Amino acid sequence: MSSQAEEQPKANRGPAAGPENRRALIAAAREVYAEGGLNAPFSAVAKRAGVGQGSLYRHFPDRTALAVAVYEENVAELERLMEPDTSTLDDLLTRTVDQAMVSTAFVELVNGDRHDPRVAALGERYRGVASRLLAREQRAGRAGSHLEVEDVLLATGMLAAEIARSDPDQRLDVATRVRALFHLAFAPR
């Protein structure tokens, strides 16, 4: 009997299910693309989320829209975590590593679509986070005055891209090595 209960389709809740479906699709996308990379079928996201294809396309008409939704969550998390005065550039690097480790396919996709206005808007929000952190670190004497926000953006972008390019079993070592290089480059002179 339990298999019959499992096979029962979900009741269609209409528009009321929209926010819940969207959250489920974003969570499913993180899993599907972490496992299968960019070649994973778009339809697998709907299946993993337990929603229909129509719901997937209503919320995310293309892969970039889905990647933007994932990154929007990531940027919102960074904005929250980096707001306190105790947050540092090292904290930003740590979160960049954590996010890149589970979003490697999205790193590739977003880098390929970086001129898309949806992606560019997230880039501007991220720039704001990096700018505030850099100014704070420079005032505290923990980052060199030679650094510009573009340097931080370049560094975190390189870090995420290098993690995405690395074999899964090498990613942590790559992240550690890249961060060590950035610590040297960011230090006051």
Protein backbone atom coordinates (compact mmCIF):
# COMPACT_ATOMS: atom_id res chain seq x y z
CA MET A 1 0.00 0.00 0.00
CA SER A 2 2.80 2.42 0.68
CA SER A 3 3.90 2.22 -2.97
CA GLN A 4 0.41 3.31 -4.04
CA ALA A 5 0.62 6.31 -1.72
CA GLU A 6 4.01 7.20 -3.17
CA GLU A 7 2.65 7.04 -6.72
CA GLN A 8 -0.24 9.41 -6.06
CA PRO A 9 0.33 12.67 -7.93
CA LYS A 10 0.49 15.84 -5.91
CA ALA A 11 -2.67 17.90 -5.81
CA ASN A 12 -2.38 20.94 -8.02
CA ARG A 13 -2.34 23.93 -5.67
CA GLY A 14 -2.17 26.45 -8.50
CA PRO A 15 -0.45 29.81 -7.98
CA ALA A 16 -0.26 29.27 -4.22
CA ALA A 17 2.47 26.67 -4.82
CA GLY A 18 4.62 29.13 -6.81
CA PRO A 19 7.06 30.27 -4.10
CA GLU A 20 7.46 26.73 -2.74
CA ASN A 21 8.03 25.36 -6.25
CA ARG A 22 10.60 28.05 -6.97
CA ARG A 23 12.55 27.20 -3.81
CA ALA A 24 12.36 23.49 -4.65
CA LEU A 25 13.62 24.14 -8.18
CA ILE A 26 16.59 26.18 -6.97
CA ALA A 27 17.54 23.50 -4.42
CA ALA A 28 17.13 20.78 -7.05
CA ALA A 29 19.25 22.74 -9.54
CA ARG A 30 22.09 22.95 -7.05
CA GLU A 31 22.01 19.16 -6.67
CA VAL A 32 21.46 18.26 -10.33
CA TYR A 33 24.21 20.49 -11.68
CA ALA A 34 26.61 19.60 -8.86
CA GLU A 35 26.22 15.95 -9.86
CA GLY A 36 25.97 16.24 -13.65
CA GLY A 37 27.59 19.56 -14.52
CA LEU A 38 26.26 21.80 -17.25
CA ASN A 39 25.42 18.79 -19.41
CA ALA A 40 22.73 17.66 -16.97
CA PRO A 41 19.32 17.89 -18.63
CA PHE A 42 17.28 20.94 -17.69
CA SER A 43 14.28 18.63 -17.25
CA ALA A 44 16.14 16.76 -14.48
CA VAL A 45 15.75 19.85 -12.30
CA ALA A 46 11.95 19.68 -12.50
CA LYS A 47 11.98 15.95 -11.84
CA ARG A 48 14.27 16.30 -8.80
CA ALA A 49 12.12 19.16 -7.45
CA GLY A 50 8.97 17.09 -7.87
CA VAL A 51 7.27 19.66 -10.11
CA GLY A 52 6.20 19.66 -13.73
CA GLN A 53 8.19 21.00 -16.65
CA GLY A 54 5.68 23.83 -17.00
CA SER A 55 6.50 25.04 -13.51
CA LEU A 56 10.21 24.93 -14.30
CA TYR A 57 9.81 27.04 -17.43
CA ARG A 58 7.40 29.48 -15.75
CA HIS A 59 9.99 30.25 -13.10
CA PHE A 60 13.14 29.80 -15.18
CA PRO A 61 12.75 30.08 -18.96
CA ASP A 62 16.42 29.18 -19.52
CA ARG A 63 19.51 27.91 -17.71
CA THR A 64 20.82 31.44 -17.19
CA ALA A 65 17.63 32.43 -15.34
CA LEU A 66 18.13 29.42 -13.08
CA ALA A 67 21.82 30.21 -12.53
CA VAL A 68 20.90 33.81 -11.69
CA ALA A 69 18.42 32.57 -9.07
CA VAL A 70 21.11 30.39 -7.49
CA TYR A 71 23.62 33.23 -7.53
CA GLU A 72 21.05 35.69 -6.19
CA GLU A 73 20.78 33.47 -3.11
CA ASN A 74 24.57 33.32 -2.89
CA VAL A 75 24.96 37.11 -3.16
CA ALA A 76 22.19 37.70 -0.63
CA GLU A 77 24.00 35.36 1.76
CA LEU A 78 27.26 37.26 1.21
CA GLU A 79 25.53 40.60 1.80
CA ARG A 80 24.18 39.32 5.13
CA LEU A 81 27.39 37.63 6.26
CA MET A 82 29.73 40.45 5.25
CA GLU A 83 27.66 43.27 6.79
CA PRO A 84 29.01 43.03 10.38
CA ASP A 85 32.09 45.11 11.08
CA THR A 86 33.92 41.95 12.11
CA SER A 87 33.72 40.44 8.59
CA THR A 88 36.97 40.39 6.63
CA LEU A 89 38.26 39.74 3.13
CA ASP A 90 39.34 36.34 4.41
CA ASP A 91 35.69 35.65 5.30
CA LEU A 92 34.73 36.60 1.75
CA LEU A 93 37.32 34.20 0.33
CA THR A 94 36.07 31.43 2.63
CA ARG A 95 32.45 31.90 1.51
CA THR A 96 33.57 32.14 -2.14
CA VAL A 97 35.26 28.76 -1.77
CA ASP A 98 32.24 27.25 -0.01
CA GLN A 99 29.84 28.50 -2.67
CA ALA A 100 32.09 27.59 -5.59
CA MET A 101 32.56 24.03 -4.31
CA VAL A 102 28.86 23.31 -4.72
CA SER A 103 28.15 25.57 -7.70
CA THR A 104 30.90 24.71 -10.19
CA ALA A 105 28.54 24.28 -13.15
CA PHE A 106 26.89 27.61 -12.38
CA VAL A 107 30.30 29.32 -12.23
CA GLU A 108 30.92 28.17 -15.81
CA LEU A 109 27.45 29.20 -16.96
CA VAL A 110 27.54 32.64 -15.36
CA ASN A 111 31.05 33.31 -16.69
CA GLY A 112 29.76 32.50 -20.17
CA ASP A 113 26.81 34.89 -19.75
CA ARG A 114 28.49 37.67 -17.75
CA HIS A 115 27.15 40.38 -20.10
CA ASP A 116 23.55 39.26 -19.59
CA PRO A 117 21.81 42.11 -17.68
CA ARG A 118 20.55 39.65 -15.05
CA VAL A 119 24.11 38.47 -14.37
CA ALA A 120 25.51 42.00 -14.52
CA ALA A 121 23.07 43.18 -11.83
CA LEU A 122 24.29 40.46 -9.47
CA GLY A 123 27.85 41.45 -10.30
CA GLU A 124 27.13 44.99 -9.17
CA ARG A 125 25.72 43.76 -5.87
CA TYR A 126 28.80 41.60 -5.37
CA ARG A 127 31.00 44.60 -6.21
CA GLY A 128 29.27 46.51 -3.40
CA VAL A 129 30.08 43.75 -0.91
CA ALA A 130 33.72 43.61 -2.02
CA SER A 131 34.06 47.40 -1.98
CA ARG A 132 32.74 47.73 1.59
CA LEU A 133 34.97 44.91 2.82
CA LEU A 134 38.07 46.28 1.12
CA ALA A 135 37.56 49.76 2.56
CA ARG A 136 37.05 48.27 6.03
CA GLU A 137 40.16 46.08 5.74
CA GLN A 138 42.28 48.97 4.51
CA ARG A 139 41.11 51.23 7.37
CA ALA A 140 42.01 48.46 9.83
CA GLY A 141 45.46 48.01 8.27
CA ARG A 142 44.78 44.41 7.24
CA ALA A 143 44.84 45.06 3.49
CA GLY A 144 47.33 47.08 1.51
CA SER A 145 46.49 50.50 0.18
CA HIS A 146 47.70 49.27 -3.22
CA LEU A 147 44.56 47.14 -3.58
CA GLU A 148 41.54 48.24 -5.56
CA VAL A 149 38.09 46.66 -5.59
CA GLU A 150 38.85 45.32 -9.08
CA ASP A 151 41.71 43.33 -7.54
CA VAL A 152 39.33 41.70 -5.06
CA LEU A 153 36.82 40.95 -7.82
CA LEU A 154 39.54 39.48 -10.00
CA ALA A 155 40.86 37.38 -7.11
CA THR A 156 37.48 35.95 -6.10
CA GLY A 157 36.59 35.33 -9.75
CA MET A 158 39.87 33.51 -10.31
CA LEU A 159 39.33 31.51 -7.14
CA ALA A 160 35.84 30.38 -8.17
CA ALA A 161 36.92 29.63 -11.75
CA GLU A 162 39.95 27.62 -10.64
CA ILE A 163 37.82 25.57 -8.26
CA ALA A 164 35.29 24.93 -11.05
CA ARG A 165 38.06 23.77 -13.41
CA SER A 166 39.65 21.42 -10.88
CA ASP A 167 38.82 17.78 -10.37
CA PRO A 168 36.47 17.36 -7.40
CA ASP A 169 39.10 15.60 -5.28
CA GLN A 170 41.58 18.46 -5.88
CA ARG A 171 39.29 21.44 -5.23
CA LEU A 172 40.06 21.90 -1.54
CA ASP A 173 43.82 21.82 -2.16
CA VAL A 174 43.49 24.27 -5.06
CA ALA A 175 41.40 26.62 -2.90
CA THR A 176 43.98 26.50 -0.10
CA ARG A 177 46.86 27.27 -2.48
CA VAL A 178 45.06 30.10 -4.26
CA ARG A 179 44.00 31.68 -0.96
CA ALA A 180 47.60 31.56 0.30
CA LEU A 181 48.69 33.48 -2.80
CA PHE A 182 45.98 36.08 -2.25
CA HIS A 183 46.95 36.54 1.40
CA LEU A 184 50.45 37.48 0.25
CA ALA A 185 49.17 39.78 -2.48
CA PHE A 186 46.59 41.51 -0.23
CA ALA A 187 48.95 42.17 2.70
CA PRO A 188 50.00 45.71 3.50
CA ARG A 189 53.37 46.63 2.03
